[in-house]
């Protein structure tokens, strides 16, 4: 346990190396795919200084495709590692099946990584948990089957591993309430019931801090967000407190639903999903600092924030797309949801249009997170290649925006010079890039 704490501290210290920011609700492009990260309803497993993000792939719709794994050492730059489970020809993992909210824990006695997930039919009529195992956290998993824990329904679920090695299934039983069930010593089955709230709460996630257990969850409003809540106890078997909100009341948890609660050094990060039910691939991630003090949880919203300090990101200077240098067919277009009502359009295409911001200023020479405000009226992702100061281009993804008239935000992590920087956004493969509203550059 002392070694684990040391590794956690070292991992947290590593985050301070670069001035990188998390941008809640934006398009997050994986470092090696050029596409938006597909790990919805995810959990995180930390091994040494590496975080593994494990979640649902919705690239092609709502039905099960893959359980994906990404890795990162800074919580900002994520690299796709592979699919842990993939669609099969039939069975629980077959076509038109529901596989949601995968979570992984490690069993020290068996040296196996154990994954639990919600298994269901497309009509949500089965309400089961599925179990899979692997010898490595981000390797291929062997699916072991599904069941209803202790004979009860289980829809949204989570896992919690206590400091003594005991593990628990957090399970939404639509008939009876939200459950905590203790797992067997090998974590492959449910051994006994631990606690039941009679309240109708879903999306459960738990963390323990300074001897206090915090259970987070969401009210039942389908894919739509609501003011999520939490309950506390000094014993996992209860008694538990009444439910209370932890984000700004009326904010619908900043338009998100609880997915996972991650300890980061001495800090805590809320990991939520902003679901787009009509186009699940366009769903984004709301990750925010979560303050746990005594038996109280609270959370503020940020446009961008730094995981090294758990505070707000640096202020930004904005540069209008229509005021930048446009070439090769790129031109100013009307954009009712953009700043100033205009944007730089016709990026890419057959003419290979480009927009160049020639005076993006930073006061520090550092690797930092730049935001591109944009519009994309298509149903799928658009892409563009972005280079800074003549360096190697990065392929950056741009998710569909809400209605084609509301700008979205896509982030990329780049090395900035102290002083003036040149940022070029283009596409030369004939595909269409986004309409660029603004470039948002950290001043420090």
Protein backbone atom coordinates (compact mmCIF):
# COMPACT_ATOMS: atom_id res chain seq x y z
CA UNK A 1 0.00 0.00 0.00
CA UNK A 2 2.92 2.35 0.77
CA UNK A 3 4.30 1.65 -2.70
CA UNK A 4 0.92 2.46 -4.26
CA UNK A 5 0.80 5.79 -2.42
CA UNK A 6 4.34 6.62 -3.57
CA UNK A 7 3.45 5.83 -7.18
CA UNK A 8 0.34 7.99 -6.92
CA UNK A 9 2.40 10.93 -5.62
CA UNK A 10 5.00 10.49 -8.35
CA UNK A 11 2.25 10.30 -10.97
CA UNK A 12 0.68 13.50 -9.66
CA UNK A 13 4.06 15.25 -9.68
CA UNK A 14 4.50 14.28 -13.33
CA UNK A 15 1.42 16.28 -14.25
CA UNK A 16 3.26 19.49 -13.39
CA UNK A 17 5.80 19.14 -16.19
CA UNK A 18 3.71 20.83 -18.90
CA UNK A 19 1.04 23.54 -18.88
CA UNK A 20 -1.72 21.35 -20.28
CA UNK A 21 -5.44 21.85 -19.73
CA UNK A 22 -8.54 19.70 -19.68
CA UNK A 23 -11.34 21.28 -21.74
CA UNK A 24 -14.69 19.89 -20.51
CA UNK A 25 -17.25 19.26 -23.24
CA UNK A 26 -14.88 19.69 -26.17
CA UNK A 27 -13.67 17.38 -28.92
CA UNK A 28 -10.71 15.40 -27.54
CA UNK A 29 -8.54 13.96 -30.30
CA UNK A 30 -6.50 10.86 -29.45
CA UNK A 31 -2.79 11.28 -30.14
CA UNK A 32 -2.56 8.38 -32.59
CA UNK A 33 -5.98 8.11 -34.26
CA UNK A 34 -6.83 11.66 -35.34
CA UNK A 35 -10.37 11.01 -34.07
CA UNK A 36 -12.41 11.91 -30.99
CA UNK A 37 -11.78 9.63 -28.02
CA UNK A 38 -14.42 6.91 -27.87
CA UNK A 39 -14.53 5.81 -24.22
CA UNK A 40 -17.96 6.79 -22.95
CA UNK A 41 -19.33 5.72 -19.57
CA UNK A 42 -15.70 5.12 -18.70
CA UNK A 43 -13.66 4.25 -15.66
CA UNK A 44 -9.95 4.73 -15.08
CA UNK A 45 -7.38 2.25 -13.82
CA UNK A 46 -4.06 3.67 -12.63
CA UNK A 47 -0.87 1.61 -12.85
CA UNK A 48 2.22 3.46 -11.66
CA UNK A 49 2.33 6.78 -13.50
CA UNK A 50 -0.02 5.64 -16.29
CA UNK A 51 -3.77 6.10 -16.38
CA UNK A 52 -5.90 3.74 -18.48
CA UNK A 53 -9.25 5.07 -19.68
CA UNK A 54 -11.68 2.20 -20.41
CA UNK A 55 -15.08 2.93 -21.93
CA UNK A 56 -17.70 2.45 -24.63
CA UNK A 57 -17.05 2.93 -28.35
CA UNK A 58 -19.96 4.71 -30.04
CA UNK A 59 -18.26 5.50 -33.33
CA UNK A 60 -21.08 3.88 -35.29
CA UNK A 61 -24.12 4.34 -33.08
CA UNK A 62 -25.63 3.12 -29.84
CA UNK A 63 -25.30 -0.67 -30.18
CA UNK A 64 -22.22 -2.38 -28.76
CA UNK A 65 -19.08 -2.08 -30.90
CA UNK A 66 -16.06 -2.23 -28.61
CA UNK A 67 -14.81 -1.59 -25.13
CA UNK A 68 -11.85 0.69 -25.82
CA UNK A 69 -8.74 1.47 -23.82
CA UNK A 70 -6.61 4.64 -23.96
CA UNK A 71 -3.52 5.49 -21.94
CA UNK A 72 -2.10 8.76 -20.59
CA UNK A 73 0.46 9.97 -18.08
CA UNK A 74 -1.01 13.48 -17.75
CA UNK A 75 -4.82 13.06 -18.05
CA UNK A 76 -4.83 15.33 -21.12
CA UNK A 77 -3.00 13.53 -23.94
CA UNK A 78 -4.61 10.13 -24.55
CA UNK A 79 -3.26 7.39 -26.83
CA UNK A 80 -5.48 4.62 -28.17
CA UNK A 81 -4.13 1.24 -27.04
CA UNK A 82 -6.78 -1.14 -28.34
CA UNK A 83 -10.17 -2.80 -27.93
CA UNK A 84 -10.53 -4.99 -24.84
CA UNK A 85 -13.80 -6.57 -25.96
CA UNK A 86 -15.20 -6.50 -29.49
CA UNK A 87 -18.55 -7.27 -31.10
CA UNK A 88 -19.20 -10.98 -31.64
CA UNK A 89 -21.52 -12.73 -34.06
CA UNK A 90 -24.02 -13.61 -31.31
CA UNK A 91 -24.56 -13.71 -27.57
CA UNK A 92 -24.19 -10.93 -25.01
CA UNK A 93 -21.58 -9.20 -27.17
CA UNK A 94 -23.42 -9.74 -30.44
CA UNK A 95 -25.09 -7.29 -32.82
CA UNK A 96 -27.67 -4.85 -31.44
CA UNK A 97 -26.65 -5.51 -27.86
CA UNK A 98 -26.15 -3.06 -25.01
CA UNK A 99 -22.75 -3.10 -23.28
CA UNK A 100 -22.33 -0.07 -21.02
CA UNK A 101 -20.21 1.46 -18.27
CA UNK A 102 -17.24 -0.97 -18.23
CA UNK A 103 -15.12 -0.75 -15.07
CA UNK A 104 -11.89 -2.63 -14.27
CA UNK A 105 -10.24 -3.53 -10.96
CA UNK A 106 -7.26 -5.78 -10.20
CA UNK A 107 -7.46 -8.84 -7.98
CA UNK A 108 -4.15 -9.20 -6.16
CA UNK A 109 -4.82 -12.83 -5.16
CA UNK A 110 -5.52 -14.12 -8.67
CA UNK A 111 -3.42 -11.46 -10.46
CA UNK A 112 -6.32 -10.96 -12.85
CA UNK A 113 -7.89 -7.76 -14.10
CA UNK A 114 -11.64 -8.06 -13.71
CA UNK A 115 -14.11 -6.05 -15.79
CA UNK A 116 -17.78 -5.60 -14.95
CA UNK A 117 -20.24 -4.00 -17.36
CA UNK A 118 -23.99 -3.53 -17.90
CA UNK A 119 -25.31 -6.18 -20.31
CA UNK A 120 -28.73 -5.80 -21.90
CA UNK A 121 -30.95 -6.21 -24.92
CA UNK A 122 -31.71 -3.22 -27.14
CA UNK A 123 -35.00 -2.82 -25.25
CA UNK A 124 -33.25 -2.91 -21.87
CA UNK A 125 -35.28 -5.93 -20.85
CA UNK A 126 -32.52 -8.13 -19.37
CA UNK A 127 -30.77 -5.85 -16.82
CA UNK A 128 -27.67 -7.95 -16.10
CA UNK A 129 -24.01 -7.52 -15.32
CA UNK A 130 -21.31 -9.08 -17.48
CA UNK A 131 -17.86 -10.18 -16.30
CA UNK A 132 -14.60 -10.45 -18.24
CA UNK A 133 -11.00 -11.04 -17.21
CA UNK A 134 -7.50 -10.42 -18.55
CA UNK A 135 -3.88 -10.84 -17.46
CA UNK A 136 -3.17 -7.20 -18.40
CA UNK A 137 -5.19 -4.06 -17.79
CA UNK A 138 -5.25 -2.97 -21.42
CA UNK A 139 -5.07 -6.39 -23.08
CA UNK A 140 -7.71 -8.58 -24.66
CA UNK A 141 -10.32 -9.75 -22.14
CA UNK A 142 -12.04 -13.12 -21.96
CA UNK A 143 -15.78 -12.74 -21.55
CA UNK A 144 -17.12 -15.03 -18.79
CA UNK A 145 -20.87 -14.42 -19.03
CA UNK A 146 -23.63 -12.42 -17.40
CA UNK A 147 -26.08 -12.67 -14.51
CA UNK A 148 -28.49 -10.69 -12.37
CA UNK A 149 -26.68 -10.07 -9.06
CA UNK A 150 -28.42 -11.93 -6.23
CA UNK A 151 -31.38 -12.29 -8.60
CA UNK A 152 -32.01 -8.54 -8.88
CA UNK A 153 -32.03 -6.27 -11.92
CA UNK A 154 -28.83 -4.38 -12.67
CA UNK A 155 -28.69 -1.52 -15.16
CA UNK A 156 -26.21 1.34 -14.63
CA UNK A 157 -23.35 -0.02 -12.55
CA UNK A 158 -19.95 0.78 -11.10
CA UNK A 159 -17.20 -0.89 -9.11
CA UNK A 160 -15.49 0.13 -5.89
CA UNK A 161 -12.36 -1.44 -4.39
CA UNK A 162 -11.80 -0.67 -0.72
CA UNK A 163 -8.45 -0.18 0.97
CA UNK A 164 -8.61 -3.69 2.48
CA UNK A 165 -8.92 -5.27 -0.98
CA UNK A 166 -12.65 -5.97 -0.72
CA UNK A 167 -14.56 -5.09 -3.88
CA UNK A 168 -18.15 -4.03 -4.39
CA UNK A 169 -20.63 -3.84 -7.25
CA UNK A 170 -22.67 -0.63 -7.37
CA UNK A 171 -25.89 -1.51 -9.12
CA UNK A 172 -29.10 0.24 -10.16
CA UNK A 173 -32.05 -2.04 -9.47
CA UNK A 174 -34.95 -0.26 -11.16
CA UNK A 175 -37.54 -2.01 -8.97
CA UNK A 176 -35.93 -1.66 -5.54
CA UNK A 177 -33.33 1.12 -5.64
CA UNK A 178 -29.56 1.53 -5.77
CA UNK A 179 -27.45 -1.29 -4.33
CA UNK A 180 -24.01 -1.99 -2.94
CA UNK A 181 -23.17 -5.70 -3.22
CA UNK A 182 -19.94 -7.30 -2.02
CA UNK A 183 -18.04 -9.36 -4.59
CA UNK A 184 -16.53 -12.78 -3.98
CA UNK A 185 -12.83 -13.03 -3.10
CA UNK A 186 -11.94 -13.61 -6.78
CA UNK A 187 -14.26 -10.73 -7.83
CA UNK A 188 -16.04 -12.97 -10.36
CA UNK A 189 -19.42 -13.13 -8.65
CA UNK A 190 -21.56 -11.35 -6.07
CA UNK A 191 -21.29 -12.81 -2.58
CA UNK A 192 -23.70 -10.77 -0.48
CA UNK A 193 -25.79 -7.61 -0.21
CA UNK A 194 -24.19 -4.70 1.63
CA UNK A 195 -26.61 -1.78 1.42
CA UNK A 196 -29.77 -0.68 -0.43
CA UNK A 197 -31.06 2.85 -0.91
CA UNK A 198 -34.77 2.71 -1.82
CA UNK A 199 -34.28 5.82 -3.96
CA UNK A 200 -34.29 5.73 -7.77
CA UNK A 201 -30.69 6.69 -8.54
CA UNK A 202 -28.51 5.53 -11.46
CA UNK A 203 -24.94 6.11 -12.76
CA UNK A 204 -23.32 5.11 -9.43
CA UNK A 205 -19.70 5.94 -8.60
CA UNK A 206 -17.91 5.72 -5.27
CA UNK A 207 -14.73 7.01 -3.64
CA UNK A 208 -13.37 6.85 -0.10
CA UNK A 209 -11.46 9.81 1.35
CA UNK A 210 -10.16 10.20 4.89
CA UNK A 211 -12.37 7.37 6.11
CA UNK A 212 -15.55 8.73 4.50
CA UNK A 213 -17.32 6.90 1.68
CA UNK A 214 -18.90 9.10 -0.98
CA UNK A 215 -21.54 7.60 -3.30
CA UNK A 216 -22.43 9.69 -6.36
CA UNK A 217 -25.32 9.14 -8.74
CA UNK A 218 -27.89 10.61 -11.07
CA UNK A 219 -31.66 10.90 -10.99
CA UNK A 220 -33.52 8.96 -13.68
CA UNK A 221 -34.12 11.31 -16.61
CA UNK A 222 -33.03 9.09 -19.51
CA UNK A 223 -30.22 10.55 -21.59
CA UNK A 224 -31.01 14.07 -20.35
CA UNK A 225 -28.85 15.50 -17.54
CA UNK A 226 -30.08 16.48 -14.10
CA UNK A 227 -28.70 17.75 -10.80
CA UNK A 228 -26.67 14.69 -9.72
CA UNK A 229 -26.40 13.87 -6.03
CA UNK A 230 -24.21 12.21 -3.42
CA UNK A 231 -24.53 10.39 -0.10
CA UNK A 232 -21.89 9.74 2.58
CA UNK A 233 -21.10 7.24 5.31
CA UNK A 234 -18.19 6.22 7.55
CA UNK A 235 -19.14 2.58 6.96
CA UNK A 236 -19.87 1.07 3.57
CA UNK A 237 -22.74 -0.88 5.13
CA UNK A 238 -24.34 2.33 6.38
CA UNK A 239 -26.07 4.24 7.71
CA UNK A 240 -25.78 6.61 4.73
CA UNK A 241 -26.76 10.26 4.65
CA UNK A 242 -29.59 11.74 2.63
CA UNK A 243 -28.81 12.69 -0.97
CA UNK A 244 -27.49 16.19 -1.70
CA UNK A 245 -26.38 18.04 -4.83
CA UNK A 246 -22.70 18.84 -5.33
CA UNK A 247 -22.70 21.07 -8.45
CA UNK A 248 -24.44 24.42 -8.88
CA UNK A 249 -28.19 23.78 -8.38
CA UNK A 250 -30.08 24.02 -11.65
CA UNK A 251 -26.94 23.47 -13.76
CA UNK A 252 -27.83 19.80 -14.41
CA UNK A 253 -24.31 18.98 -13.15
CA UNK A 254 -23.00 21.25 -15.91
CA UNK A 255 -24.97 19.19 -18.44
CA UNK A 256 -23.42 15.86 -17.52
CA UNK A 257 -24.04 12.55 -15.79
CA UNK A 258 -21.74 10.91 -13.26
CA UNK A 259 -19.45 8.27 -14.74
CA UNK A 260 -16.49 7.81 -12.39
CA UNK A 261 -14.68 9.52 -9.50
CA UNK A 262 -10.89 9.46 -9.83
CA UNK A 263 -8.33 10.18 -7.09
CA UNK A 264 -5.37 12.17 -8.46
CA UNK A 265 -2.71 12.52 -5.79
CA UNK A 266 -4.45 14.28 -2.91
CA UNK A 267 -7.09 15.69 -5.27
CA UNK A 268 -10.25 14.22 -6.79
CA UNK A 269 -11.61 14.44 -10.33
CA UNK A 270 -15.23 14.08 -11.37
CA UNK A 271 -15.63 12.24 -14.68
CA UNK A 272 -19.01 12.74 -16.31
CA UNK A 273 -20.57 12.18 -19.72
CA UNK A 274 -22.44 14.79 -21.74
CA UNK A 275 -24.62 12.47 -23.77
CA UNK A 276 -25.92 13.33 -27.25
CA UNK A 277 -28.67 10.74 -27.45
CA UNK A 278 -29.44 11.39 -31.12
CA UNK A 279 -25.80 10.86 -32.12
CA UNK A 280 -23.87 9.09 -29.36
CA UNK A 281 -20.51 9.34 -31.12
CA UNK A 282 -20.73 13.10 -30.56
CA UNK A 283 -21.04 12.72 -26.78
CA UNK A 284 -18.30 14.47 -24.84
CA UNK A 285 -16.64 14.32 -21.45
CA UNK A 286 -17.11 16.66 -18.50
CA UNK A 287 -14.11 16.22 -16.23
CA UNK A 288 -13.82 18.71 -13.38
CA UNK A 289 -12.06 19.15 -10.03
CA UNK A 290 -14.21 17.76 -7.23
CA UNK A 291 -13.66 19.03 -3.69
CA UNK A 292 -14.24 16.52 -0.87
CA UNK A 293 -14.01 17.99 2.62
CA UNK A 294 -15.22 16.02 5.60
CA UNK A 295 -18.62 14.76 4.46
CA UNK A 296 -19.18 17.53 1.91
CA UNK A 297 -18.68 17.38 -1.87
CA UNK A 298 -18.69 20.44 -4.13
CA UNK A 299 -17.78 21.18 -7.74
CA UNK A 300 -17.41 24.31 -9.87
CA UNK A 301 -17.42 24.60 -13.64
CA UNK A 302 -14.43 25.60 -15.78
CA UNK A 303 -13.96 26.35 -19.46
CA UNK A 304 -10.50 24.84 -19.08
CA UNK A 305 -8.44 23.79 -16.07
CA UNK A 306 -5.04 22.38 -15.21
CA UNK A 307 -4.71 18.88 -13.70
CA UNK A 308 -1.30 19.82 -12.27
CA UNK A 309 -2.77 22.52 -10.05
CA UNK A 310 -6.45 21.50 -10.02
CA UNK A 311 -7.20 25.15 -10.71
CA UNK A 312 -8.41 27.17 -13.69
CA UNK A 313 -6.40 27.28 -16.89
CA UNK A 314 -4.55 30.40 -17.99
CA UNK A 315 -6.45 33.25 -19.56
CA UNK A 316 -6.71 33.11 -23.33
CA UNK A 317 -6.37 35.54 -26.20
CA UNK A 318 -8.88 34.99 -28.99
CA UNK A 319 -8.24 35.47 -32.69
CA UNK A 320 -11.16 35.61 -35.12
CA UNK A 321 -11.15 33.13 -37.99
CA UNK A 322 -12.53 35.61 -40.52
CA UNK A 323 -9.69 38.03 -39.67
CA UNK A 324 -6.94 35.49 -40.29
CA UNK A 325 -5.17 34.90 -43.61
CA UNK A 326 -7.40 32.74 -45.87
CA UNK A 327 -6.00 30.93 -48.88
CA UNK A 328 -6.67 28.25 -51.51
CA UNK A 329 -10.41 28.72 -51.57
CA UNK A 330 -11.00 29.36 -47.89
CA UNK A 331 -13.29 32.35 -47.40
CA UNK A 332 -15.41 34.15 -44.86
CA UNK A 333 -18.85 32.61 -44.29
CA UNK A 334 -21.88 33.67 -42.29
CA UNK A 335 -22.16 31.94 -38.93
CA UNK A 336 -24.99 33.01 -36.67
CA UNK A 337 -23.59 31.20 -33.63
CA UNK A 338 -20.03 32.48 -34.06
CA UNK A 339 -18.34 35.45 -32.48
CA UNK A 340 -19.03 38.39 -34.79
CA UNK A 341 -21.48 36.34 -36.86
CA UNK A 342 -18.76 35.09 -39.24
CA UNK A 343 -16.19 32.31 -39.55
CA UNK A 344 -13.41 31.09 -41.83
CA UNK A 345 -15.11 28.52 -44.05
CA UNK A 346 -14.25 26.19 -46.91
CA UNK A 347 -11.27 24.73 -45.06
CA UNK A 348 -9.98 21.75 -47.03
CA UNK A 349 -12.25 20.58 -49.84
CA UNK A 350 -11.10 20.18 -53.42
CA UNK A 351 -9.20 23.50 -53.28
CA UNK A 352 -7.42 22.57 -50.03
CA UNK A 353 -8.48 25.75 -48.26
CA UNK A 354 -6.40 26.96 -45.31
CA UNK A 355 -6.57 29.56 -42.56
CA UNK A 356 -3.39 30.95 -40.97
CA UNK A 357 -3.24 32.85 -37.70
CA UNK A 358 0.05 34.72 -37.90
CA UNK A 359 0.15 36.55 -34.59
CA UNK A 360 -0.91 34.12 -31.87
CA UNK A 361 0.95 35.35 -28.80
CA UNK A 362 2.10 33.53 -25.68
CA UNK A 363 4.25 34.86 -22.83
CA UNK A 364 5.82 31.46 -22.12
CA UNK A 365 7.68 28.85 -24.12
CA UNK A 366 5.75 25.75 -23.07
CA UNK A 367 3.61 22.89 -24.27
CA UNK A 368 0.07 24.08 -23.77
CA UNK A 369 -3.52 23.43 -24.82
CA UNK A 370 -4.96 25.55 -27.64
CA UNK A 371 -8.70 25.61 -28.37
CA UNK A 372 -10.29 25.97 -31.78
CA UNK A 373 -13.87 27.25 -31.70
CA UNK A 374 -15.69 25.93 -34.74
CA UNK A 375 -18.90 24.80 -36.39
CA UNK A 376 -19.66 21.47 -38.02
CA UNK A 377 -23.17 20.97 -39.38
CA UNK A 378 -22.54 17.38 -40.53
CA UNK A 379 -23.67 14.29 -38.62
CA UNK A 380 -20.12 12.95 -38.42
CA UNK A 381 -16.72 14.27 -37.43
CA UNK A 382 -14.79 16.65 -39.64
CA UNK A 383 -11.00 16.81 -39.55
CA UNK A 384 -8.22 19.29 -40.15
CA UNK A 385 -4.44 19.31 -39.97
CA UNK A 386 -2.99 21.87 -37.59
CA UNK A 387 0.64 22.97 -37.49
CA UNK A 388 2.32 25.49 -35.20
CA UNK A 389 5.36 27.51 -36.25
CA UNK A 390 5.93 25.29 -39.28
CA UNK A 391 6.15 22.10 -37.23
CA UNK A 392 4.66 18.70 -37.99
CA UNK A 393 0.90 18.80 -38.50
CA UNK A 394 -1.50 17.17 -36.07
CA UNK A 395 -4.74 15.66 -37.33
CA UNK A 396 -7.49 17.15 -35.18
CA UNK A 397 -11.11 16.02 -35.00
CA UNK A 398 -14.18 18.29 -34.85
CA UNK A 399 -17.40 16.70 -33.62
CA UNK A 400 -20.79 17.69 -35.01
CA UNK A 401 -22.00 20.83 -33.28
CA UNK A 402 -25.38 20.93 -31.62
CA UNK A 403 -27.43 22.54 -34.39
CA UNK A 404 -24.89 23.69 -36.96
CA UNK A 405 -25.18 27.22 -35.57
CA UNK A 406 -23.67 26.79 -32.10
CA UNK A 407 -19.89 26.74 -31.96
CA UNK A 408 -18.06 23.81 -30.42
CA UNK A 409 -14.54 23.57 -29.04
CA UNK A 410 -11.74 21.24 -30.14
CA UNK A 411 -8.43 21.21 -28.28
CA UNK A 412 -4.89 20.31 -29.26
CA UNK A 413 -1.68 20.26 -27.28
CA UNK A 414 1.21 22.08 -28.92
CA UNK A 415 4.58 23.61 -28.19
CA UNK A 416 4.27 27.40 -28.12
CA UNK A 417 7.10 29.89 -28.39
CA UNK A 418 7.37 32.85 -26.08
CA UNK A 419 6.19 35.71 -28.26
CA UNK A 420 4.46 35.39 -31.63
CA UNK A 421 3.32 32.02 -32.98
CA UNK A 422 1.89 31.01 -36.36
CA UNK A 423 -0.97 28.49 -36.40
CA UNK A 424 -2.11 26.96 -39.71
CA UNK A 425 -5.37 24.98 -40.06
CA UNK A 426 -5.78 23.14 -43.36
CA UNK A 427 -6.74 19.89 -45.03
CA UNK A 428 -5.26 18.52 -48.24
CA UNK A 429 -6.97 15.14 -48.75
CA UNK A 430 -10.14 16.59 -50.32
CA UNK A 431 -12.28 16.26 -47.20
CA UNK A 432 -14.03 19.16 -45.53
CA UNK A 433 -12.63 20.81 -42.44
CA UNK A 434 -14.63 22.80 -39.90
CA UNK A 435 -15.74 26.40 -40.17
CA UNK A 436 -13.26 28.13 -37.84
CA UNK A 437 -14.84 30.68 -35.53
CA UNK A 438 -11.91 31.57 -33.26
CA UNK A 439 -8.49 30.42 -32.11
CA UNK A 440 -8.09 30.54 -28.30
CA UNK A 441 -4.44 30.71 -27.22
CA UNK A 442 -3.29 30.59 -23.57
CA UNK A 443 -1.33 33.73 -22.71
CA UNK A 444 1.02 31.83 -20.39
